[in-house]
């Protein structure tokens, strides 16, 4: 089970507004982290080609 649904469920059970905002921030941060991680795996940085010049 992913952590994002767990955070969403915990958000429903909490009454404190500050705690809800904290859980929403944690959930957003986790989703952003997973997005960036998958993006890096999908599109790895290519090595830049250097042009060698001869004099």
N, C-alpha and C. Protein backbone atom coordinates (compact mmCIF):
# COMPACT_ATOMS: atom_id res chain seq x y z
N UNK A 1 0.85 -1.17 0.00
CA UNK A 1 0.00 0.00 0.00
C UNK A 1 0.90 1.25 0.00
N UNK A 2 0.58 2.18 -0.83
CA UNK A 2 1.34 3.43 -0.88
C UNK A 2 1.07 4.26 0.35
N UNK A 3 1.98 5.16 0.64
CA UNK A 3 1.84 6.00 1.83
C UNK A 3 0.84 7.13 1.61
N UNK A 4 0.64 7.54 0.36
CA UNK A 4 -0.25 8.67 0.08
C UNK A 4 -1.70 8.40 0.52
N UNK A 5 -2.29 7.24 0.22
CA UNK A 5 -3.65 6.99 0.72
C UNK A 5 -3.71 6.91 2.25
N UNK A 6 -2.65 6.44 2.87
CA UNK A 6 -2.62 6.36 4.33
C UNK A 6 -2.66 7.77 4.92
N UNK A 7 -1.90 8.69 4.32
CA UNK A 7 -1.92 10.07 4.80
C UNK A 7 -3.29 10.70 4.57
N UNK A 8 -3.92 10.38 3.45
CA UNK A 8 -5.26 10.90 3.18
C UNK A 8 -6.28 10.40 4.18
N UNK A 9 -6.17 9.13 4.54
CA UNK A 9 -7.09 8.55 5.52
C UNK A 9 -6.85 9.14 6.90
N UNK A 10 -5.57 9.35 7.26
CA UNK A 10 -5.25 9.95 8.55
C UNK A 10 -5.78 11.38 8.63
N UNK A 11 -5.76 12.07 7.49
CA UNK A 11 -6.27 13.43 7.43
C UNK A 11 -7.76 13.47 7.77
N UNK A 12 -8.50 12.45 7.37
CA UNK A 12 -9.93 12.41 7.67
C UNK A 12 -10.21 12.18 9.15
N UNK A 13 -9.31 11.48 9.83
CA UNK A 13 -9.55 11.14 11.22
C UNK A 13 -9.13 12.24 12.20
N UNK A 14 -8.33 13.19 11.74
CA UNK A 14 -7.79 14.22 12.62
C UNK A 14 -8.75 15.41 12.65
N UNK A 15 -8.91 16.01 13.84
CA UNK A 15 -9.80 17.16 13.98
C UNK A 15 -9.05 18.49 13.94
N UNK A 16 -7.79 18.48 14.36
CA UNK A 16 -7.03 19.72 14.43
C UNK A 16 -6.70 20.24 13.04
N UNK A 17 -6.95 21.53 12.84
CA UNK A 17 -6.71 22.15 11.53
C UNK A 17 -5.23 22.17 11.17
N UNK A 18 -4.38 22.45 12.16
CA UNK A 18 -2.94 22.49 11.93
C UNK A 18 -2.40 21.12 11.55
N UNK A 19 -2.91 20.09 12.19
CA UNK A 19 -2.46 18.73 11.88
C UNK A 19 -2.92 18.32 10.48
N UNK A 20 -4.12 18.73 10.11
CA UNK A 20 -4.61 18.43 8.76
C UNK A 20 -3.72 19.08 7.71
N UNK A 21 -3.35 20.34 7.95
CA UNK A 21 -2.46 21.03 7.01
C UNK A 21 -1.10 20.36 6.94
N UNK A 22 -0.60 19.88 8.07
CA UNK A 22 0.66 19.17 8.10
C UNK A 22 0.58 17.87 7.28
N UNK A 23 -0.51 17.14 7.44
CA UNK A 23 -0.68 15.89 6.69
C UNK A 23 -0.85 16.15 5.20
N UNK A 24 -1.56 17.22 4.85
CA UNK A 24 -1.72 17.58 3.44
C UNK A 24 -0.36 17.94 2.84
N UNK A 25 0.44 18.70 3.58
CA UNK A 25 1.78 19.05 3.11
C UNK A 25 2.67 17.83 2.94
N UNK A 26 2.58 16.89 3.89
CA UNK A 26 3.37 15.66 3.79
C UNK A 26 2.94 14.84 2.59
N UNK A 27 1.64 14.77 2.36
CA UNK A 27 1.12 14.02 1.22
C UNK A 27 1.55 14.66 -0.09
N UNK A 28 1.48 15.97 -0.18
CA UNK A 28 1.89 16.68 -1.38
C UNK A 28 3.40 16.51 -1.63
N UNK A 29 4.18 16.59 -0.57
CA UNK A 29 5.62 16.39 -0.69
C UNK A 29 5.96 15.00 -1.17
N UNK A 30 5.25 13.99 -0.65
CA UNK A 30 5.51 12.61 -1.05
C UNK A 30 5.13 12.38 -2.51
N UNK A 31 4.00 12.91 -2.93
CA UNK A 31 3.57 12.75 -4.32
C UNK A 31 4.55 13.45 -5.26
N UNK A 32 5.03 14.63 -4.87
CA UNK A 32 6.02 15.34 -5.68
C UNK A 32 7.33 14.58 -5.76
N UNK A 33 7.75 13.99 -4.65
CA UNK A 33 8.97 13.18 -4.63
C UNK A 33 8.85 11.98 -5.56
N UNK A 34 7.73 11.29 -5.49
CA UNK A 34 7.52 10.13 -6.37
C UNK A 34 7.49 10.54 -7.84
N UNK A 35 6.88 11.69 -8.14
CA UNK A 35 6.83 12.18 -9.51
C UNK A 35 8.24 12.45 -10.04
N UNK A 36 9.04 13.16 -9.24
CA UNK A 36 10.39 13.48 -9.68
C UNK A 36 11.25 12.23 -9.80
N UNK A 37 11.06 11.29 -8.90
CA UNK A 37 11.83 10.04 -8.95
C UNK A 37 11.49 9.26 -10.23
N UNK A 38 10.21 9.15 -10.55
CA UNK A 38 9.80 8.44 -11.77
C UNK A 38 10.26 9.18 -13.02
N UNK A 39 10.24 10.49 -12.97
CA UNK A 39 10.65 11.29 -14.12
C UNK A 39 12.14 11.11 -14.41
N UNK A 40 12.94 11.04 -13.34
CA UNK A 40 14.38 10.84 -13.52
C UNK A 40 14.67 9.46 -14.09
N UNK A 41 13.89 8.46 -13.69
CA UNK A 41 14.10 7.12 -14.21
C UNK A 41 13.66 7.02 -15.67
N UNK A 42 12.62 7.74 -16.01
CA UNK A 42 12.07 7.67 -17.36
C UNK A 42 12.94 8.43 -18.36
N UNK A 43 13.43 9.58 -17.94
CA UNK A 43 14.22 10.43 -18.83
C UNK A 43 15.59 10.72 -18.20
N UNK A 44 16.52 9.76 -18.29
CA UNK A 44 17.83 10.02 -17.69
C UNK A 44 18.57 11.11 -18.46
N UNK A 45 19.41 11.83 -17.74
CA UNK A 45 20.18 12.90 -18.38
C UNK A 45 21.18 12.27 -19.34
N UNK A 46 21.24 12.82 -20.54
CA UNK A 46 22.20 12.31 -21.50
C UNK A 46 23.52 13.04 -21.31
N UNK A 47 24.59 12.33 -21.58
CA UNK A 47 25.90 12.95 -21.46
C UNK A 47 26.08 13.94 -22.59
N UNK A 48 26.54 15.11 -22.24
CA UNK A 48 26.73 16.12 -23.28
C UNK A 48 27.95 15.75 -24.11
N UNK A 49 27.82 15.93 -25.39
CA UNK A 49 28.92 15.62 -26.30
C UNK A 49 29.79 16.85 -26.45
N UNK A 50 31.05 16.65 -26.23
CA UNK A 50 31.98 17.76 -26.40
C UNK A 50 32.60 17.68 -27.79
N UNK A 51 32.74 18.81 -28.38
CA UNK A 51 33.31 18.88 -29.73
C UNK A 51 34.81 19.14 -29.57
N UNK A 52 35.57 18.22 -30.09
CA UNK A 52 37.02 18.37 -30.01
C UNK A 52 37.51 19.05 -31.29
N UNK A 53 38.27 20.09 -31.11
CA UNK A 53 38.81 20.79 -32.27
C UNK A 53 40.32 20.54 -32.34
N UNK A 54 40.80 20.40 -33.52
CA UNK A 54 42.24 20.22 -33.72
C UNK A 54 42.80 21.47 -34.38
N UNK A 55 43.93 21.90 -33.91
CA UNK A 55 44.56 23.09 -34.46
C UNK A 55 45.52 22.73 -35.56
